[in-house]
Amino acid sequence: MKKKKELISIFISLVFSILIVMFFPSNIGKQTQISNVNLNEEKSYIAQKIEYISLEPIDVTKVYHLGKLIGIVYDGDLIQNAIDMEEAKLAGTKFEGYEIDISDEIYILKEKSFWKYENKDKEILSYILDNNLLVVQAVKIEIVKDDIVIDTIYVKSIEDFSNALRRFALCFIDEKVYIALENHETIPDLTTYGIQDKNIYIEETIRATPTGASTKELFADEEAIFMYLCYGRDYELEYYTVVEYDTISGVASKAGLLAKQLLSINDSLENINQAIVPGQQLIITYFNSPITVVVEQQRLAQEVTYPTESIYTFDIKVQRGEIIEDVAPATGYNDATYTDIYVNGILTSYRQDSVVVKVEPTIGQYRYNKQEYSDRGVFFSLPVRNPVITCDFYCYANHHGCDFIDRYNKYGDVLAAADGVIIRKGYNFTMGYYYYIDHSNGIVARYLHMHTPGYFNVGDIVLRGQVIGQIGNTGRSSGPHLDIGFYVDGELIDPCWILPCEQAGRQ
C-alpha cells in the first residue's frame, strides 16, 4: 500500500511539471537571464512574512549589519531620507555642519527574488537609528601600549585631537621648550643653577584612522578631547573656594597639582602670578589620564658638602681649659647635574649625569689642654634628603612653616636640622605625628605630618643630620611632606631665615 502511495505522488508531480511547461512556455528561456535569483529564505533581525511568490523576479534591496540580514527594504530612498532628517536635527547643535553617512558596519545588496515580503521599512529604519548606524565622518583614535588597544575614541578631525594633545602636553612642559622640540631643535645644557625641561614623549602609540561615528560616541570639539586626556571618560569635577592669602601655587600644591595644570583647567587663570580673590571657585580635580606623558628635566644644583669631624690636638702650651681654633670648619660645594623623570607631572626617577667639585670642605683644627670639646651644632642643615620646597612660609593662609619633600622618595627620612633635645612628641588631627626639638639659643623647631610616631622619646638628644623619623601624610595633609616650623624666643618665623633653603629645589 505504501509503495502505491509513493507512485501516485510521483505521478502527480510529473503531471504538474508537464502542465507548467505546457501552459507557461515563456518561462523556460528566462532562466539564463536570472542566474542571480534568490530562491532561498534568509534569517533576518526583522522578521518579514512572504506575501506571495512572483512569477517574474522582482528587485529587492537587502540591508545587512555585521554580516547578518536586517531586512528587505522596498523604499529606495529610505536611508537617504533618514540621513537628511538626521542632518537637519544637527542644526543649532555643536555638530551642525557635520556630514552623515551609513556606518561601515552596514552592507547593502541589491538582487532579484521570486519572494514578495511584507513591507517592514519603518522597523528596519528604527533598527538602524537605534543601533547608531547613521554616522558622521570622523577619525578613530586608538591608544595602544604593548600592542594592546587601551582605549578608542572618535573625534571630528585629526587637527582637533592634535591641538588637544598639544594643550595637554603643555600642562607638564615649558611652552618655549615644546616649540623648540617641535622644530627639532636641541636644548642646550644648563650653565647656571636651575632646572629646565629637555625632552617630552608619550609612552603609548596613537593610531588615527578615518571612519564614521555616531554623534553619541563622538568627542565633538577640542575642549571635550582635552578633558578626556586630563581625566579619562568618567570623571566628576572637584572645586575649591579661594580664601584670603591663597596663591595659585599654594592652591595647586594643596591639590597635588602643578601650577601649570591648575592654569590649564581654569579659564579664569592666565598666569601663575595672577591674584586670586576670596570666594573664587577653582577646579582642582586631580589628573587621571589614559595616556602617559614623560618629561625629562635637567637640573644643575649646588650641593653643599660638610667637613668630617674636626681634629683636636692636645697642646701642653695651651692654658688649661682653653681651646684655640687654628682652622675654622667650613662647608664646600659641588656642581651636580641630574636628569629628573616626570610621569604625568609626578617625579618617578632620576639619574646623576655629572658631579664637579668646586670647593672642598675645610676640616676644623683645634688645640686644647685637658678639656673635651665637640663642634656639633655649628651648622643648620635641611631636614630631608634630596630636598624640594613645595610650599613656603605663608604660601597659603595660616601656613606657618615650610613644606619639604624628598625629590626621589616620598616617604624618605626626616633629619634633625641641628643638635637638640626632644621636648614634645605626639599626635593630633591637624599636625599628625610630630616632634618639638629645642635646638638651643632660643630656637625650637616643630616637625609635622610624620609617617610614624618617630624614633626618639622626650628628653632624648639628637644630632644634626640624624634620622629621627619618616616623611608622612598624617594629620591635615594633602600629600606626603614634612612641614617644619621655627620658633625664635617663642615667635614663629620663616624657616628659611634659619635653614639654608637656597640648597633646596622648588616646585
Protein backbone atom coordinates (compact mmCIF):
# COMPACT_ATOMS: atom_id res chain seq x y z
CA MET A 1 0.00 0.00 0.00
CA LYS A 2 2.88 2.34 0.92
CA LYS A 3 4.54 1.81 -2.47
CA LYS A 4 1.27 2.65 -4.24
CA LYS A 5 1.02 5.99 -2.41
CA GLU A 6 4.60 6.87 -3.36
CA LEU A 7 3.91 6.02 -7.04
CA ILE A 8 0.75 8.15 -7.02
CA SER A 9 2.73 11.14 -5.55
CA ILE A 10 5.46 10.83 -8.18
CA PHE A 11 2.85 10.61 -10.93
CA ILE A 12 1.02 13.74 -9.72
CA SER A 13 4.31 15.71 -9.55
CA LEU A 14 5.20 14.62 -13.07
CA VAL A 15 1.80 15.69 -14.44
CA PHE A 16 2.10 19.07 -12.60
CA SER A 17 5.52 19.64 -14.19
CA ILE A 18 4.19 18.88 -17.67
CA LEU A 19 1.29 21.31 -17.15
CA ILE A 20 3.71 24.10 -16.15
CA VAL A 21 5.75 23.55 -19.30
CA MET A 22 2.63 23.46 -21.47
CA PHE A 23 0.86 26.50 -20.06
CA PHE A 24 3.92 28.68 -19.23
CA PRO A 25 6.41 28.03 -22.03
CA SER A 26 7.70 31.62 -21.90
CA ASN A 27 9.47 30.97 -18.53
CA ILE A 28 11.85 28.38 -20.00
CA GLY A 29 14.01 30.83 -21.88
CA LYS A 30 14.30 33.24 -18.96
CA GLN A 31 16.28 31.02 -16.58
CA THR A 32 19.62 32.07 -18.08
CA GLN A 33 18.78 35.76 -17.51
CA ILE A 34 18.15 35.46 -13.78
CA SER A 35 21.06 33.39 -12.58
CA ASN A 36 21.31 35.61 -9.51
CA VAL A 37 17.72 35.00 -8.47
CA ASN A 38 17.41 34.12 -4.77
CA LEU A 39 15.15 31.10 -4.21
CA ASN A 40 16.01 30.64 -0.54
CA GLU A 41 14.73 32.36 2.58
CA GLU A 42 17.36 34.04 4.79
CA LYS A 43 17.15 34.62 8.56
CA SER A 44 16.98 38.30 9.49
CA TYR A 45 16.83 40.63 12.53
CA ILE A 46 13.43 41.92 11.36
CA ALA A 47 11.00 39.08 10.61
CA GLN A 48 9.19 39.55 7.27
CA LYS A 49 6.47 37.16 6.12
CA ILE A 50 6.25 36.09 2.47
CA GLU A 51 3.11 37.63 0.99
CA TYR A 52 3.28 35.74 -2.31
CA ILE A 53 5.60 34.15 -4.86
CA SER A 54 6.05 36.18 -8.01
CA LEU A 55 6.17 34.55 -11.40
CA GLU A 56 8.60 37.27 -12.51
CA PRO A 57 11.74 38.03 -10.47
CA ILE A 58 11.49 41.34 -8.64
CA ASP A 59 14.21 43.74 -7.45
CA VAL A 60 14.88 43.68 -3.70
CA THR A 61 17.27 45.67 -1.50
CA LYS A 62 18.77 43.71 1.37
CA VAL A 63 20.34 45.60 4.30
CA TYR A 64 22.95 43.75 6.38
CA HIS A 65 24.53 44.62 9.75
CA LEU A 66 27.83 42.94 10.54
CA GLY A 67 27.08 40.22 8.01
CA LYS A 68 23.55 39.40 9.19
CA LEU A 69 20.43 40.47 7.31
CA ILE A 70 18.42 43.24 8.98
CA GLY A 71 15.62 43.04 6.45
CA ILE A 72 14.46 43.80 2.92
CA VAL A 73 13.71 47.43 2.05
CA TYR A 74 11.26 48.47 -0.66
CA ASP A 75 11.63 52.27 -0.49
CA GLY A 76 14.85 53.01 -2.38
CA ASP A 77 15.15 56.47 -0.78
CA LEU A 78 14.54 55.26 2.78
CA ILE A 79 18.13 55.52 4.04
CA GLN A 80 18.90 58.78 2.21
CA ASN A 81 15.75 60.36 3.64
CA ALA A 82 16.83 59.23 7.11
CA ILE A 83 20.27 60.78 6.56
CA ASP A 84 18.65 64.08 5.52
CA MET A 85 16.46 64.07 8.63
CA GLU A 86 19.41 63.37 10.95
CA GLU A 87 21.47 66.16 9.39
CA ALA A 88 18.54 68.54 9.91
CA LYS A 89 18.45 67.59 13.61
CA LEU A 90 22.09 68.71 13.98
CA ALA A 91 21.23 72.30 13.07
CA GLY A 92 21.88 74.59 16.03
CA THR A 93 23.95 71.98 17.89
CA LYS A 94 27.72 71.61 18.24
CA PHE A 95 27.51 69.01 15.44
CA GLU A 96 25.98 71.43 12.90
CA GLY A 97 27.65 71.10 9.52
CA TYR A 98 28.77 67.50 10.05
CA GLU A 99 28.08 65.15 7.13
CA ILE A 100 26.14 61.99 7.98
CA ASP A 101 26.66 58.67 6.22
CA ILE A 102 25.91 54.97 6.72
CA SER A 103 28.17 53.10 9.15
CA ASP A 104 30.76 50.82 7.58
CA GLU A 105 29.07 48.05 9.60
CA ILE A 106 26.17 48.29 7.12
CA TYR A 107 26.22 46.44 3.79
CA ILE A 108 23.53 46.87 1.11
CA LEU A 109 22.88 44.21 -1.53
CA LYS A 110 20.55 44.60 -4.49
CA GLU A 111 19.33 41.37 -6.09
CA LYS A 112 16.31 39.68 -7.65
CA SER A 113 13.91 37.36 -5.88
CA PHE A 114 10.65 35.49 -6.56
CA TRP A 115 9.56 36.12 -2.96
CA LYS A 116 7.45 39.18 -2.17
CA TYR A 117 7.85 40.03 1.53
CA GLU A 118 5.70 42.23 3.72
CA ASN A 119 6.89 45.84 3.98
CA LYS A 120 8.84 46.47 7.20
CA ASP A 121 10.67 49.64 6.09
CA LYS A 122 9.76 51.53 9.31
CA GLU A 123 11.03 48.73 11.56
CA ILE A 124 14.27 48.44 9.56
CA LEU A 125 14.81 52.21 9.81
CA SER A 126 14.21 52.07 13.58
CA TYR A 127 16.81 49.32 13.89
CA ILE A 128 19.36 51.46 12.01
CA LEU A 129 18.68 54.52 14.19
CA ASP A 130 18.54 52.60 17.50
CA ASN A 131 21.90 50.99 16.79
CA ASN A 132 23.55 54.32 15.85
CA LEU A 133 24.27 53.12 12.32
CA LEU A 134 23.93 56.57 10.77
CA VAL A 135 27.27 58.18 11.48
CA VAL A 136 29.21 61.38 10.91
CA GLN A 137 32.57 61.43 9.19
CA ALA A 138 35.17 61.12 11.93
CA VAL A 139 38.62 59.90 12.89
CA LYS A 140 39.08 56.85 15.09
CA ILE A 141 41.85 57.40 17.66
CA GLU A 142 43.32 54.25 19.21
CA ILE A 143 45.62 54.44 22.23
CA VAL A 144 47.96 51.45 22.03
CA LYS A 145 50.50 50.17 24.55
CA ASP A 146 52.47 46.94 24.14
CA ASP A 147 50.32 46.06 21.10
CA ILE A 148 47.16 46.26 23.22
CA VAL A 149 44.47 48.85 22.46
CA ILE A 150 43.87 50.58 25.79
CA ASP A 151 41.04 52.81 24.60
CA THR A 152 39.37 54.05 21.42
CA ILE A 153 37.71 57.42 20.91
CA TYR A 154 36.19 59.18 17.91
CA VAL A 155 36.93 62.80 17.02
CA LYS A 156 35.86 65.15 14.24
CA SER A 157 39.35 65.65 12.84
CA ILE A 158 42.98 64.79 13.50
CA GLU A 159 43.57 68.54 13.86
CA ASP A 160 41.20 68.72 16.85
CA PHE A 161 42.96 65.81 18.53
CA SER A 162 46.45 67.20 17.83
CA ASN A 163 45.52 70.59 19.28
CA ALA A 164 44.04 68.99 22.41
CA LEU A 165 47.08 66.73 22.81
CA ARG A 166 49.42 69.72 22.49
CA ARG A 167 47.42 71.61 25.11
CA PHE A 168 47.59 68.59 27.42
CA ALA A 169 51.36 68.27 26.94
CA LEU A 170 51.78 71.93 27.92
CA CYS A 171 50.39 71.03 31.35
CA PHE A 172 53.78 69.41 32.00
CA ILE A 173 56.42 71.23 29.92
CA ASP A 174 57.54 74.78 29.24
CA GLU A 175 55.93 76.09 26.04
CA LYS A 176 59.17 77.56 24.63
CA VAL A 177 60.92 74.22 25.06
CA TYR A 178 57.96 72.40 23.48
CA ILE A 179 58.07 74.67 20.43
CA ALA A 180 61.83 74.16 20.10
CA LEU A 181 61.37 70.37 20.24
CA GLU A 182 58.56 70.60 17.66
CA ASN A 183 61.08 72.32 15.39
CA HIS A 184 63.66 69.56 16.07
CA GLU A 185 65.98 71.98 17.88
CA THR A 186 68.49 70.83 20.53
CA ILE A 187 68.03 72.25 24.02
CA PRO A 188 71.45 73.48 25.28
CA ASP A 189 72.65 72.25 28.69
CA LEU A 190 72.34 74.47 31.75
CA THR A 191 75.34 76.62 32.62
CA THR A 192 73.80 78.25 35.71
CA TYR A 193 71.98 76.71 38.66
CA GLY A 194 68.37 75.85 38.00
CA ILE A 195 66.11 73.49 36.11
CA GLN A 196 64.90 73.25 32.53
CA ASP A 197 62.78 70.86 30.50
CA LYS A 198 64.82 68.91 27.95
CA ASN A 199 62.52 66.37 26.32
CA ILE A 200 58.96 65.07 26.20
CA TYR A 201 57.37 61.93 24.80
CA ILE A 202 54.27 59.75 25.13
CA GLU A 203 54.74 56.11 26.14
CA GLU A 204 51.71 54.94 24.17
CA THR A 205 51.29 54.80 20.38
CA ILE A 206 48.47 56.90 18.93
CA ARG A 207 46.79 55.45 15.81
CA ALA A 208 44.41 57.56 13.71
CA THR A 209 42.05 56.06 11.10
CA PRO A 210 39.30 57.82 9.07
CA THR A 211 35.93 56.25 9.87
CA GLY A 212 32.37 57.05 10.84
CA ALA A 213 30.94 57.52 14.33
CA SER A 214 27.58 58.29 15.86
CA THR A 215 27.17 61.67 17.50
CA LYS A 216 26.63 59.84 20.80
CA GLU A 217 30.19 58.49 20.83
CA LEU A 218 31.93 61.44 19.16
CA PHE A 219 34.11 63.91 21.09
CA ALA A 220 32.71 66.94 19.33
CA ASP A 221 35.41 69.55 19.88
CA GLU A 222 38.92 70.24 21.16
CA GLU A 223 37.70 71.06 24.69
CA ALA A 224 35.95 67.68 25.05
CA ILE A 225 39.09 65.87 23.85
CA PHE A 226 41.28 67.86 26.27
CA MET A 227 39.07 66.96 29.25
CA TYR A 228 39.23 63.29 28.17
CA LEU A 229 43.04 63.47 28.05
CA CYS A 230 43.05 65.00 31.55
CA TYR A 231 40.53 62.73 33.25
CA GLY A 232 39.51 59.83 31.01
CA ARG A 233 35.89 59.02 30.20
CA ASP A 234 34.17 59.18 33.59
CA TYR A 235 35.02 61.96 35.99
CA GLU A 236 33.47 64.42 38.39
CA LEU A 237 34.99 67.87 38.74
CA GLU A 238 36.13 68.94 42.21
CA TYR A 239 36.11 72.62 43.16
CA TYR A 240 37.99 74.73 45.72
CA THR A 241 36.85 78.05 47.17
CA VAL A 242 39.70 80.56 47.48
CA VAL A 243 40.35 82.09 50.92
CA GLU A 244 42.40 85.11 51.93
CA TYR A 245 46.17 84.90 51.26
CA ASP A 246 45.79 81.97 48.83
CA THR A 247 48.09 81.89 45.82
CA ILE A 248 47.88 79.85 42.62
CA SER A 249 51.00 77.88 43.58
CA GLY A 250 49.66 77.25 47.08
CA VAL A 251 46.25 76.03 45.88
CA ALA A 252 47.91 73.78 43.29
CA SER A 253 50.26 72.34 45.92
CA LYS A 254 47.41 71.54 48.31
CA ALA A 255 45.52 69.79 45.48
CA GLY A 256 48.56 67.75 44.40
CA LEU A 257 48.72 69.55 41.04
CA LEU A 258 51.38 71.50 39.19
CA ALA A 259 50.68 75.21 38.86
CA LYS A 260 50.67 74.71 35.07
CA GLN A 261 47.94 72.09 35.43
CA LEU A 262 45.80 74.40 37.56
CA LEU A 263 46.15 77.14 34.94
CA SER A 264 45.21 74.79 32.08
CA ILE A 265 41.91 73.60 33.59
CA ASN A 266 40.71 77.01 34.82
CA ASP A 267 39.83 79.51 32.10
CA SER A 268 39.79 82.33 34.67
CA LEU A 269 43.54 81.90 35.33
CA GLU A 270 46.04 83.37 32.89
CA ASN A 271 49.43 83.24 34.63
CA ILE A 272 50.99 81.92 37.81
CA ASN A 273 51.40 85.40 39.35
CA GLN A 274 47.75 86.34 38.89
CA ALA A 275 45.99 87.40 42.09
CA ILE A 276 43.06 85.24 43.16
CA VAL A 277 40.30 86.56 45.38
CA PRO A 278 38.41 85.04 48.32
CA GLY A 279 35.27 83.26 47.17
CA GLN A 280 36.65 82.47 43.71
CA GLN A 281 35.86 78.91 42.56
CA LEU A 282 38.69 76.89 41.02
CA ILE A 283 38.68 73.39 39.50
CA ILE A 284 41.22 71.27 41.40
CA THR A 285 40.37 67.79 40.07
CA TYR A 286 43.44 65.53 40.11
CA PHE A 287 44.59 64.34 36.68
CA ASN A 288 43.84 60.72 35.73
CA SER A 289 44.88 60.50 32.09
CA PRO A 290 44.57 57.48 29.76
CA ILE A 291 47.96 58.42 28.24
CA THR A 292 51.40 58.68 29.82
CA VAL A 293 53.36 61.89 29.23
CA VAL A 294 57.04 61.64 30.19
CA VAL A 295 59.11 64.81 30.64
CA GLU A 296 62.88 64.74 31.11
CA GLN A 297 64.02 67.73 33.15
CA GLN A 298 67.65 68.77 33.57
CA ARG A 299 68.72 70.12 36.97
CA LEU A 300 72.03 71.82 37.81
CA ALA A 301 72.38 72.20 41.57
CA GLN A 302 74.96 73.40 44.03
CA GLU A 303 75.28 70.68 46.65
CA VAL A 304 76.80 71.55 49.99
CA THR A 305 79.43 69.18 51.31
CA TYR A 306 80.17 69.12 55.02
CA PRO A 307 83.54 68.64 56.69
CA THR A 308 84.25 65.50 58.63
CA GLU A 309 84.62 65.79 62.40
CA SER A 310 87.12 68.43 63.45
CA ILE A 311 90.61 67.49 64.57
CA TYR A 312 91.53 68.21 68.22
CA THR A 313 95.16 68.11 69.27
CA PHE A 314 96.41 68.21 72.88
CA ASP A 315 98.93 71.02 73.41
CA ILE A 316 100.60 71.48 76.79
CA LYS A 317 101.40 75.07 75.86
CA VAL A 318 97.69 75.94 75.76
CA GLN A 319 96.29 77.27 79.01
CA ARG A 320 94.21 74.67 80.86
CA GLY A 321 90.54 74.88 79.83
CA GLU A 322 91.30 76.98 76.77
CA ILE A 323 90.66 75.95 73.15
CA ILE A 324 92.50 77.57 70.27
CA GLU A 325 91.00 77.44 66.78
CA ASP A 326 93.74 77.19 64.19
CA VAL A 327 91.46 76.39 61.22
CA ALA A 328 87.73 77.10 61.27
CA PRO A 329 85.49 74.39 59.79
CA ALA A 330 83.72 75.37 56.58
CA THR A 331 81.43 73.74 54.08
CA GLY A 332 82.37 73.09 50.46
CA TYR A 333 80.18 72.50 47.46
CA ASN A 334 79.84 70.50 44.25
CA ASP A 335 78.06 71.28 41.00
CA ALA A 336 75.85 68.27 40.20
CA THR A 337 73.80 67.75 37.04
CA TYR A 338 70.76 65.45 37.14
CA THR A 339 68.04 64.31 34.76
CA ASP A 340 64.74 64.03 36.60
CA ILE A 341 61.99 61.89 35.03
CA TYR A 342 58.42 63.13 35.49
CA VAL A 343 55.47 60.91 34.52
CA ASN A 344 52.25 62.91 34.13
CA GLY A 345 53.75 65.57 36.38
CA ILE A 346 54.97 63.20 39.12
CA LEU A 347 58.69 62.71 39.71
CA THR A 348 59.32 58.96 39.44
CA SER A 349 63.08 58.57 38.98
CA TYR A 350 66.32 60.37 38.25
CA ARG A 351 69.87 59.85 37.11
CA GLN A 352 73.01 61.78 38.01
CA ASP A 353 74.79 62.89 34.85
CA SER A 354 77.86 64.64 36.30
CA VAL A 355 79.48 65.97 39.51
CA VAL A 356 82.14 68.67 39.59
CA VAL A 357 83.88 69.50 42.89
CA LYS A 358 84.07 73.28 43.14
CA VAL A 359 85.21 73.82 46.75
CA GLU A 360 86.42 71.13 49.15
CA PRO A 361 85.04 71.35 52.71
CA THR A 362 87.50 72.54 55.35
CA ILE A 363 88.08 70.37 58.40
CA GLY A 364 88.30 72.33 61.65
CA GLN A 365 91.59 72.13 63.57
CA TYR A 366 91.81 72.92 67.31
CA ARG A 367 94.36 72.74 70.13
CA TYR A 368 93.31 72.19 73.72
CA ASN A 369 94.57 71.29 77.17
CA LYS A 370 92.59 68.69 79.14
CA GLN A 371 89.07 69.60 78.02
CA GLU A 372 86.51 67.64 76.00
CA TYR A 373 85.07 69.61 73.09
CA SER A 374 82.65 68.98 70.26
CA ASP A 375 81.79 71.21 67.30
CA ARG A 376 78.40 69.59 66.81
CA GLY A 377 75.61 72.04 66.07
CA VAL A 378 77.74 74.61 64.29
CA PHE A 379 75.52 74.35 61.18
CA PHE A 380 71.81 74.09 60.50
CA SER A 381 71.11 71.74 57.59
CA LEU A 382 67.96 70.86 55.65
CA PRO A 383 65.62 68.33 57.29
CA VAL A 384 65.24 65.90 54.36
CA ARG A 385 67.47 64.35 51.71
CA ASN A 386 67.13 65.47 48.08
CA PRO A 387 65.15 68.47 49.35
CA VAL A 388 62.44 70.26 47.37
CA ILE A 389 60.31 73.06 48.85
CA THR A 390 56.69 72.66 47.79
CA CYS A 391 55.13 75.40 49.92
CA ASP A 392 56.88 78.36 51.57
CA PHE A 393 56.05 80.22 54.76
CA TYR A 394 52.53 81.63 54.20
CA CYS A 395 52.20 80.14 50.70
CA TYR A 396 48.53 79.95 51.71
CA ALA A 397 46.53 81.33 54.60
CA ASN A 398 47.79 80.34 58.09
CA HIS A 399 50.66 78.23 56.79
CA HIS A 400 53.35 78.94 59.39
CA GLY A 401 56.00 76.52 58.22
CA CYS A 402 57.91 75.40 55.17
CA ASP A 403 56.93 72.18 53.35
CA PHE A 404 59.71 69.85 52.18
CA ILE A 405 59.62 66.65 50.17
CA ASP A 406 62.36 64.20 49.25
CA ARG A 407 62.60 64.53 45.46
CA TYR A 408 63.13 60.79 44.97
CA ASN A 409 61.46 59.13 47.97
CA LYS A 410 58.06 60.39 49.07
CA TYR A 411 58.39 58.58 52.42
CA GLY A 412 62.07 59.39 52.89
CA ASP A 413 63.91 60.10 56.12
CA VAL A 414 63.32 63.13 58.35
CA LEU A 415 66.64 64.53 59.62
CA ALA A 416 67.36 66.69 62.65
CA ALA A 417 68.20 70.17 61.33
CA ALA A 418 70.70 70.70 64.18
CA ASP A 419 71.71 69.23 67.53
CA GLY A 420 68.94 69.38 70.09
CA VAL A 421 66.70 67.77 72.70
CA ILE A 422 63.24 66.30 72.08
CA ILE A 423 60.89 68.37 74.26
CA ARG A 424 57.49 67.29 72.87
CA LYS A 425 56.21 64.33 70.91
CA GLY A 426 52.69 63.29 69.97
CA TYR A 427 49.81 63.24 67.51
CA ASN A 428 46.81 65.43 66.75
CA PHE A 429 44.34 65.65 63.87
CA THR A 430 46.00 68.76 62.42
CA MET A 431 49.74 68.15 62.85
CA GLY A 432 49.66 64.36 62.59
CA TYR A 433 52.71 62.75 64.24
CA TYR A 434 55.06 65.49 65.37
CA TYR A 435 58.22 66.42 67.30
CA TYR A 436 59.26 69.63 69.01
CA ILE A 437 63.06 69.88 69.29
CA ASP A 438 64.94 72.51 71.32
CA HIS A 439 67.96 73.44 69.21
CA SER A 440 69.28 75.83 71.92
CA ASN A 441 69.87 79.56 71.74
CA GLY A 442 66.11 80.17 71.94
CA ILE A 443 65.39 78.19 68.75
CA VAL A 444 62.70 75.47 68.83
CA ALA A 445 61.65 73.57 65.70
CA ARG A 446 58.50 71.56 65.11
CA TYR A 447 58.46 68.64 62.65
CA LEU A 448 54.93 67.76 61.44
CA HIS A 449 52.95 65.10 59.47
CA MET A 450 55.50 62.31 60.06
CA HIS A 451 54.60 58.80 58.93
CA THR A 452 55.03 57.22 62.39
CA PRO A 453 55.48 58.49 65.97
CA GLY A 454 59.22 58.82 65.33
CA TYR A 455 62.28 57.03 66.69
CA PHE A 456 63.09 59.07 69.83
CA ASN A 457 61.37 59.98 73.08
CA VAL A 458 61.04 63.20 75.06
CA GLY A 459 64.38 64.00 76.69
CA ASP A 460 66.49 62.23 74.07
CA ILE A 461 69.39 64.13 72.48
CA VAL A 462 69.58 64.15 68.68
CA LEU A 463 72.42 65.29 66.43
CA ARG A 464 72.38 67.32 63.23
CA GLY A 465 71.61 65.06 60.24
CA GLN A 466 70.45 62.17 62.43
CA VAL A 467 67.40 60.25 61.15
CA ILE A 468 64.54 60.95 63.56
CA GLY A 469 61.54 59.67 61.58
CA GLN A 470 59.88 59.34 58.18
CA ILE A 471 58.15 61.84 55.92
CA GLY A 472 54.43 61.17 56.13
CA ASN A 473 50.89 62.23 55.32
CA THR A 474 49.29 62.19 58.76
CA GLY A 475 47.01 64.89 60.14
CA ARG A 476 45.63 67.58 57.87
CA SER A 477 47.84 66.94 54.86
CA SER A 478 47.27 66.83 51.09
CA GLY A 479 50.20 64.51 50.39
CA PRO A 480 53.44 63.14 51.89
CA HIS A 481 55.67 66.01 53.07
CA LEU A 482 57.46 67.43 56.11
CA ASP A 483 56.16 70.73 57.46
CA ILE A 484 58.94 72.28 59.57
CA GLY A 485 58.36 75.45 61.58
CA PHE A 486 60.69 77.51 63.80
CA TYR A 487 60.07 79.48 66.98
CA VAL A 488 62.69 82.05 67.99
CA ASP A 489 62.12 83.23 71.54
CA GLY A 490 58.56 81.91 71.23
CA GLU A 491 57.68 83.67 67.97
CA LEU A 492 57.03 81.78 64.71
CA ILE A 493 59.36 82.91 61.93
CA ASP A 494 60.06 81.98 58.31
CA PRO A 495 62.11 78.73 58.49
CA CYS A 496 64.25 79.95 55.58
CA TRP A 497 65.68 82.65 57.87
CA ILE A 498 67.45 79.79 59.65
CA LEU A 499 67.66 76.92 57.16
CA PRO A 500 69.85 77.06 54.03
CA CYS A 501 66.75 76.95 51.77
CA GLU A 502 68.79 78.06 48.77
CA GLN A 503 70.16 74.50 48.70
CA ALA A 504 66.66 73.08 48.06
CA GLY A 505 64.84 72.74 44.77
CA ARG A 506 61.50 74.39 44.15
CA GLN A 507 58.23 73.01 42.85
